[in-house]
Amino acid sequence: MLTPSSDICKILLAIILPPLGVFLERGCGADFLINILLTILGYIPGIIHALYIIFKSARLPVF
């Protein structure tokens, strides 16, 4: 499965600054706030959550 270039940019941003990747994918909502908290508590959990949000959204079918 090919990944669009916008998703690749989001993945790179999620590794560098996890809340930014979540913000670009979902906007300023609960997922964004959870990711900020996870990033403050530990950088790795923030990255894992951000990548989960990006990959989960990439699998949703578009009708």
N, C-alpha and C. Protein backbone atom coordinates (compact mmCIF):
# COMPACT_ATOMS: atom_id res chain seq x y z
N MET A 1 0.84 -1.17 0.00
CA MET A 1 0.00 0.00 0.00
C MET A 1 0.89 1.24 0.00
N LEU A 2 0.66 2.13 -0.93
CA LEU A 2 1.43 3.35 -1.02
C LEU A 2 0.88 4.40 -0.07
N THR A 3 1.77 5.18 0.49
CA THR A 3 1.38 6.24 1.41
C THR A 3 1.51 7.57 0.69
N PRO A 4 0.44 8.39 0.72
CA PRO A 4 0.54 9.71 0.08
C PRO A 4 1.63 10.56 0.73
N SER A 5 2.15 11.51 -0.03
CA SER A 5 3.24 12.34 0.49
C SER A 5 2.82 13.15 1.71
N SER A 6 1.54 13.54 1.79
CA SER A 6 1.08 14.28 2.97
C SER A 6 1.16 13.41 4.22
N ASP A 7 0.87 12.10 4.09
CA ASP A 7 0.98 11.21 5.24
C ASP A 7 2.44 11.02 5.64
N ILE A 8 3.33 10.99 4.69
CA ILE A 8 4.76 10.87 5.01
C ILE A 8 5.22 12.09 5.79
N CYS A 9 4.78 13.27 5.39
CA CYS A 9 5.13 14.48 6.13
C CYS A 9 4.56 14.44 7.54
N LYS A 10 3.32 13.97 7.69
CA LYS A 10 2.72 13.87 9.03
C LYS A 10 3.48 12.88 9.89
N ILE A 11 3.94 11.78 9.30
CA ILE A 11 4.69 10.78 10.06
C ILE A 11 6.02 11.38 10.54
N LEU A 12 6.72 12.08 9.66
CA LEU A 12 7.98 12.72 10.06
C LEU A 12 7.76 13.76 11.15
N LEU A 13 6.71 14.56 11.01
CA LEU A 13 6.41 15.55 12.03
C LEU A 13 6.01 14.89 13.35
N ALA A 14 5.32 13.75 13.27
CA ALA A 14 4.92 13.03 14.48
C ALA A 14 6.13 12.49 15.23
N ILE A 15 7.19 12.17 14.52
CA ILE A 15 8.40 11.69 15.18
C ILE A 15 9.17 12.86 15.79
N ILE A 16 9.22 13.98 15.10
CA ILE A 16 9.95 15.14 15.60
C ILE A 16 9.17 15.86 16.70
N LEU A 17 7.89 16.13 16.46
CA LEU A 17 7.04 16.84 17.42
C LEU A 17 5.65 16.19 17.38
N PRO A 18 5.41 15.20 18.22
CA PRO A 18 4.19 14.40 18.15
C PRO A 18 2.87 15.18 18.14
N PRO A 19 2.69 16.22 18.98
CA PRO A 19 1.41 16.93 18.94
C PRO A 19 1.11 17.59 17.59
N LEU A 20 2.15 17.99 16.88
CA LEU A 20 1.94 18.62 15.58
C LEU A 20 1.37 17.62 14.57
N GLY A 21 1.87 16.39 14.60
CA GLY A 21 1.32 15.36 13.71
C GLY A 21 -0.14 15.08 13.99
N VAL A 22 -0.51 15.03 15.27
CA VAL A 22 -1.91 14.79 15.65
C VAL A 22 -2.76 15.99 15.26
N PHE A 23 -2.25 17.19 15.47
CA PHE A 23 -3.01 18.40 15.12
C PHE A 23 -3.31 18.45 13.62
N LEU A 24 -2.34 18.10 12.81
CA LEU A 24 -2.55 18.12 11.36
C LEU A 24 -3.55 17.06 10.92
N GLU A 25 -3.62 15.95 11.65
CA GLU A 25 -4.52 14.86 11.27
C GLU A 25 -5.94 15.07 11.81
N ARG A 26 -6.07 15.49 13.06
CA ARG A 26 -7.38 15.56 13.72
C ARG A 26 -7.82 16.95 14.14
N GLY A 27 -6.92 17.92 14.14
CA GLY A 27 -7.28 19.24 14.62
C GLY A 27 -7.12 19.35 16.13
N CYS A 28 -7.65 20.42 16.68
CA CYS A 28 -7.50 20.69 18.11
C CYS A 28 -8.68 20.08 18.86
N GLY A 29 -8.52 18.84 19.26
CA GLY A 29 -9.58 18.13 19.97
C GLY A 29 -9.00 17.31 21.10
N ALA A 30 -9.74 16.29 21.50
CA ALA A 30 -9.32 15.43 22.61
C ALA A 30 -8.03 14.68 22.29
N ASP A 31 -7.90 14.19 21.06
CA ASP A 31 -6.68 13.46 20.68
C ASP A 31 -5.44 14.35 20.79
N PHE A 32 -5.59 15.60 20.41
CA PHE A 32 -4.48 16.55 20.49
C PHE A 32 -4.07 16.78 21.94
N LEU A 33 -5.06 16.98 22.81
CA LEU A 33 -4.76 17.22 24.23
C LEU A 33 -4.15 15.98 24.89
N ILE A 34 -4.66 14.81 24.54
CA ILE A 34 -4.09 13.56 25.07
C ILE A 34 -2.65 13.42 24.62
N ASN A 35 -2.38 13.77 23.38
CA ASN A 35 -1.01 13.64 22.87
C ASN A 35 -0.07 14.63 23.54
N ILE A 36 -0.53 15.83 23.81
CA ILE A 36 0.31 16.78 24.54
C ILE A 36 0.66 16.23 25.91
N LEU A 37 -0.33 15.67 26.60
CA LEU A 37 -0.10 15.09 27.92
C LEU A 37 0.89 13.92 27.85
N LEU A 38 0.70 13.04 26.87
CA LEU A 38 1.61 11.90 26.72
C LEU A 38 3.03 12.35 26.37
N THR A 39 3.14 13.39 25.57
CA THR A 39 4.47 13.89 25.20
C THR A 39 5.17 14.53 26.40
N ILE A 40 4.41 15.21 27.25
CA ILE A 40 5.00 15.80 28.45
C ILE A 40 5.45 14.70 29.41
N LEU A 41 4.62 13.66 29.57
CA LEU A 41 4.95 12.58 30.49
C LEU A 41 6.09 11.71 29.98
N GLY A 42 6.19 11.58 28.68
CA GLY A 42 7.25 10.77 28.09
C GLY A 42 7.20 10.94 26.59
N TYR A 43 8.32 11.23 26.00
CA TYR A 43 8.37 11.54 24.57
C TYR A 43 7.95 10.34 23.71
N ILE A 44 8.38 9.13 24.07
CA ILE A 44 8.08 7.93 23.29
C ILE A 44 6.58 7.62 23.28
N PRO A 45 5.86 7.69 24.43
CA PRO A 45 4.41 7.47 24.36
C PRO A 45 3.69 8.48 23.46
N GLY A 46 4.18 9.70 23.43
CA GLY A 46 3.61 10.71 22.53
C GLY A 46 3.79 10.34 21.07
N ILE A 47 4.97 9.82 20.73
CA ILE A 47 5.23 9.39 19.35
C ILE A 47 4.34 8.21 18.99
N ILE A 48 4.24 7.24 19.88
CA ILE A 48 3.41 6.06 19.61
C ILE A 48 1.96 6.46 19.39
N HIS A 49 1.45 7.33 20.23
CA HIS A 49 0.05 7.79 20.09
C HIS A 49 -0.14 8.55 18.78
N ALA A 50 0.79 9.41 18.44
CA ALA A 50 0.68 10.19 17.21
C ALA A 50 0.69 9.28 15.98
N LEU A 51 1.59 8.30 15.96
CA LEU A 51 1.63 7.38 14.83
C LEU A 51 0.36 6.53 14.76
N TYR A 52 -0.17 6.15 15.91
CA TYR A 52 -1.43 5.40 15.94
C TYR A 52 -2.56 6.22 15.33
N ILE A 53 -2.66 7.48 15.70
CA ILE A 53 -3.72 8.35 15.16
C ILE A 53 -3.56 8.51 13.65
N ILE A 54 -2.36 8.71 13.18
CA ILE A 54 -2.13 8.91 11.74
C ILE A 54 -2.45 7.64 10.96
N PHE A 55 -1.96 6.48 11.43
CA PHE A 55 -2.21 5.23 10.71
C PHE A 55 -3.66 4.79 10.81
N LYS A 56 -4.31 5.07 11.93
CA LYS A 56 -5.72 4.72 12.09
C LYS A 56 -6.58 5.54 11.13
N SER A 57 -6.27 6.82 10.99
CA SER A 57 -7.03 7.67 10.08
C SER A 57 -6.77 7.31 8.62
N ALA A 58 -5.58 6.81 8.32
CA ALA A 58 -5.24 6.45 6.94
C ALA A 58 -6.02 5.23 6.48
N ARG A 59 -6.47 4.39 7.40
CA ARG A 59 -7.19 3.17 7.04
C ARG A 59 -8.69 3.39 6.84
N LEU A 60 -9.21 4.53 7.30
CA LEU A 60 -10.64 4.78 7.17
C LEU A 60 -11.02 4.91 5.70
N PRO A 61 -12.06 4.22 5.27
CA PRO A 61 -12.47 4.33 3.86
C PRO A 61 -13.10 5.69 3.57
N VAL A 62 -12.86 6.17 2.38
CA VAL A 62 -13.43 7.44 1.94
C VAL A 62 -14.53 7.15 0.95
N PHE A 63 -15.72 7.63 1.25
CA PHE A 63 -16.87 7.40 0.36
C PHE A 63 -17.26 8.66 -0.36
